[in-house]
Amino acid sequence: MDGLIRAAMTEADKAIETGNSPFGAILSDANGKIVEAAYNTTKTDSDPTAHAEINLIRAVCKKLKTSDLSPFYLISNAQSCPMCVSAAVKAKIKNFVFGYAEDETLLPKITIFEMRKYCNEELYIHTNILKDECCRQIEKTNRENKKNISNNLY
């Protein structure tokens, strides 16, 4: 799983380099083969729904010409937000792997653990894979963004 989380972190780096939020996602098969990768493009696309997971799900469904992604694993450097979890569940994804599961920027503050109680299918969630590295990547970007915002206020 470490390699897949690192691949998601590489996608998050692409988001950071393009001025977007530091999130990346991977879809893999059960053997760990990457099917597709995506990153957050909310700022560059001026689209509040262009999260890494949403971009990923759209790309894979189009590529495979199906909306049933049940055989696959969704891997992200951070816990998916409620919108992304909902989209993944709609795409029948049941297996989730996250690096950092305690992201304070999660809004609304409804976790996948709470959401799974309301799903018809069981969700399998693995967290804290390379947690410290993922946390540093996200928090460093969040600190830099706050610094840039406060520098622009004066």
Protein backbone atom coordinates (compact mmCIF):
# COMPACT_ATOMS: atom_id res chain seq x y z
CA MET A 1 0.00 0.00 0.00
CA ASP A 2 2.91 2.38 0.63
CA GLY A 3 3.66 2.60 -3.10
CA LEU A 4 0.06 3.48 -3.91
CA ILE A 5 -0.07 6.16 -1.23
CA ARG A 6 3.20 7.56 -2.61
CA ALA A 7 1.59 7.66 -6.06
CA ALA A 8 -1.34 9.60 -4.58
CA MET A 9 1.15 11.96 -2.94
CA THR A 10 2.82 12.49 -6.32
CA GLU A 11 -0.58 13.50 -7.70
CA ALA A 12 -1.01 15.85 -4.73
CA ASP A 13 2.36 17.41 -5.62
CA LYS A 14 0.97 18.12 -9.11
CA ALA A 15 -1.99 19.86 -7.49
CA ILE A 16 0.34 21.97 -5.35
CA GLU A 17 2.53 22.87 -8.35
CA THR A 18 -0.54 24.14 -10.22
CA GLY A 19 -1.81 26.20 -7.28
CA ASN A 20 -4.51 23.80 -6.16
CA SER A 21 -5.21 22.12 -2.81
CA PRO A 22 -2.75 19.32 -1.90
CA PHE A 23 -4.82 16.26 -2.68
CA GLY A 24 -4.23 13.36 -5.02
CA ALA A 25 -6.05 10.10 -5.67
CA ILE A 26 -5.36 6.78 -7.37
CA LEU A 27 -7.66 4.00 -8.49
CA SER A 28 -6.04 0.57 -8.45
CA ASP A 29 -7.12 -2.99 -8.98
CA ALA A 30 -6.88 -5.60 -6.21
CA ASN A 31 -3.31 -6.44 -7.28
CA GLY A 32 -2.15 -2.84 -6.85
CA LYS A 33 -2.00 -2.00 -10.56
CA ILE A 34 -2.84 1.67 -11.04
CA VAL A 35 -5.79 2.17 -13.37
CA GLU A 36 -5.86 5.97 -13.23
CA ALA A 37 -4.53 8.89 -11.20
CA ALA A 38 -5.86 12.41 -10.62
CA TYR A 39 -5.34 15.49 -8.50
CA ASN A 40 -7.33 18.41 -7.17
CA THR A 41 -8.03 21.14 -9.76
CA THR A 42 -10.62 23.25 -7.94
CA LYS A 43 -8.73 26.52 -8.39
CA THR A 44 -7.41 26.06 -11.94
CA ASP A 45 -10.81 24.80 -13.14
CA SER A 46 -12.80 27.31 -11.06
CA ASP A 47 -14.89 24.30 -10.06
CA PRO A 48 -15.53 23.56 -6.38
CA THR A 49 -16.34 19.93 -7.27
CA ALA A 50 -13.01 19.25 -9.03
CA HIS A 51 -11.57 17.30 -6.12
CA ALA A 52 -9.00 14.60 -6.89
CA GLU A 53 -11.48 11.78 -6.29
CA ILE A 54 -14.21 13.35 -8.44
CA ASN A 55 -11.72 13.97 -11.27
CA LEU A 56 -10.53 10.38 -10.87
CA ILE A 57 -14.01 8.82 -10.91
CA ARG A 58 -15.03 10.85 -13.97
CA ALA A 59 -11.87 9.88 -15.87
CA VAL A 60 -12.10 6.17 -15.03
CA CYS A 61 -15.80 5.87 -15.81
CA LYS A 62 -15.22 7.54 -19.16
CA LYS A 63 -12.10 5.46 -19.90
CA LEU A 64 -13.73 2.13 -18.99
CA LYS A 65 -17.20 3.12 -20.23
CA THR A 66 -18.83 2.02 -16.97
CA SER A 67 -20.13 3.56 -13.79
CA ASP A 68 -19.49 0.39 -11.77
CA LEU A 69 -16.06 0.70 -10.15
CA SER A 70 -16.69 -2.00 -7.54
CA PRO A 71 -13.58 -4.06 -8.38
CA PHE A 72 -11.27 -1.15 -7.57
CA TYR A 73 -9.60 0.56 -4.62
CA LEU A 74 -9.68 4.33 -4.12
CA ILE A 75 -6.41 5.52 -2.61
CA SER A 76 -5.83 9.10 -1.47
CA ASN A 77 -3.24 10.99 0.53
CA ALA A 78 -6.08 12.26 2.77
CA GLN A 79 -9.52 11.15 3.85
CA SER A 80 -12.11 11.92 1.20
CA CYS A 81 -14.68 14.62 1.91
CA PRO A 82 -18.40 13.76 2.08
CA MET A 83 -18.97 14.78 -1.56
CA CYS A 84 -16.17 12.50 -2.76
CA VAL A 85 -17.24 9.59 -0.55
CA SER A 86 -20.78 9.94 -1.90
CA ALA A 87 -19.53 9.91 -5.50
CA ALA A 88 -17.36 6.86 -4.77
CA VAL A 89 -20.28 5.02 -3.18
CA LYS A 90 -22.46 5.91 -6.20
CA ALA A 91 -19.69 4.39 -8.36
CA LYS A 92 -19.90 1.28 -6.14
CA ILE A 93 -16.38 1.64 -4.74
CA LYS A 94 -16.14 -0.25 -1.45
CA ASN A 95 -12.41 -0.23 -0.73
CA PHE A 96 -10.74 2.96 0.52
CA VAL A 97 -7.14 3.59 1.53
CA PHE A 98 -6.12 6.91 3.06
CA GLY A 99 -2.82 8.31 4.19
CA TYR A 100 -3.99 11.02 6.54
CA ALA A 101 -7.44 10.55 8.02
CA GLU A 102 -7.64 13.45 10.48
CA ASP A 103 -7.50 16.43 8.10
CA GLU A 104 -8.86 19.46 9.96
CA THR A 105 -9.86 21.12 6.67
CA LEU A 106 -12.53 18.46 6.03
CA LEU A 107 -15.77 20.33 5.45
CA PRO A 108 -18.44 19.52 6.33
CA LYS A 109 -16.93 17.62 9.22
CA ILE A 110 -18.60 14.32 8.40
CA THR A 111 -16.12 11.48 8.11
CA ILE A 112 -16.27 8.40 5.94
CA PHE A 113 -16.58 6.42 9.17
CA GLU A 114 -19.82 8.20 9.98
CA MET A 115 -21.09 8.01 6.41
CA ARG A 116 -20.56 4.25 6.11
CA LYS A 117 -23.28 3.67 8.69
CA TYR A 118 -25.76 4.85 6.07
CA CYS A 119 -24.49 2.79 3.14
CA ASN A 120 -26.21 -0.34 1.88
CA GLU A 121 -22.87 -2.03 1.19
CA GLU A 122 -20.01 -2.51 3.64
CA LEU A 123 -17.14 -0.08 3.12
CA TYR A 124 -13.61 -1.30 3.80
CA ILE A 125 -11.45 1.57 5.04
CA HIS A 126 -7.72 1.49 5.72
CA THR A 127 -6.12 4.61 7.16
CA ASN A 128 -2.83 6.03 8.35
CA ILE A 129 -0.71 4.55 5.58
CA LEU A 130 2.36 6.85 5.54
CA LYS A 131 0.29 9.12 7.79
CA ASP A 132 3.15 11.37 8.91
CA GLU A 133 4.40 12.00 5.37
CA CYS A 134 0.89 12.75 4.11
CA CYS A 135 0.23 15.00 7.09
CA ARG A 136 3.43 16.98 6.46
CA GLN A 137 2.56 17.40 2.78
CA ILE A 138 -0.91 18.75 3.54
CA GLU A 139 -0.02 20.88 6.56
CA LYS A 140 3.00 22.45 4.82
CA THR A 141 0.80 23.56 1.95
CA ASN A 142 -1.92 24.80 4.32
CA ARG A 143 0.68 26.84 6.28
CA GLU A 144 2.08 28.34 3.07
CA ASN A 145 -1.41 29.24 1.87
CA LYS A 146 -2.23 30.95 5.18
CA LYS A 147 1.08 32.87 5.02
CA ASN A 148 0.32 34.01 1.45
CA ILE A 149 -3.19 35.11 2.44
CA SER A 150 -1.94 37.14 5.41
CA ASN A 151 0.86 38.70 3.33
CA ASN A 152 -1.72 39.81 0.79
CA LEU A 153 -3.89 41.49 3.44
CA TYR A 154 -1.43 44.33 3.99
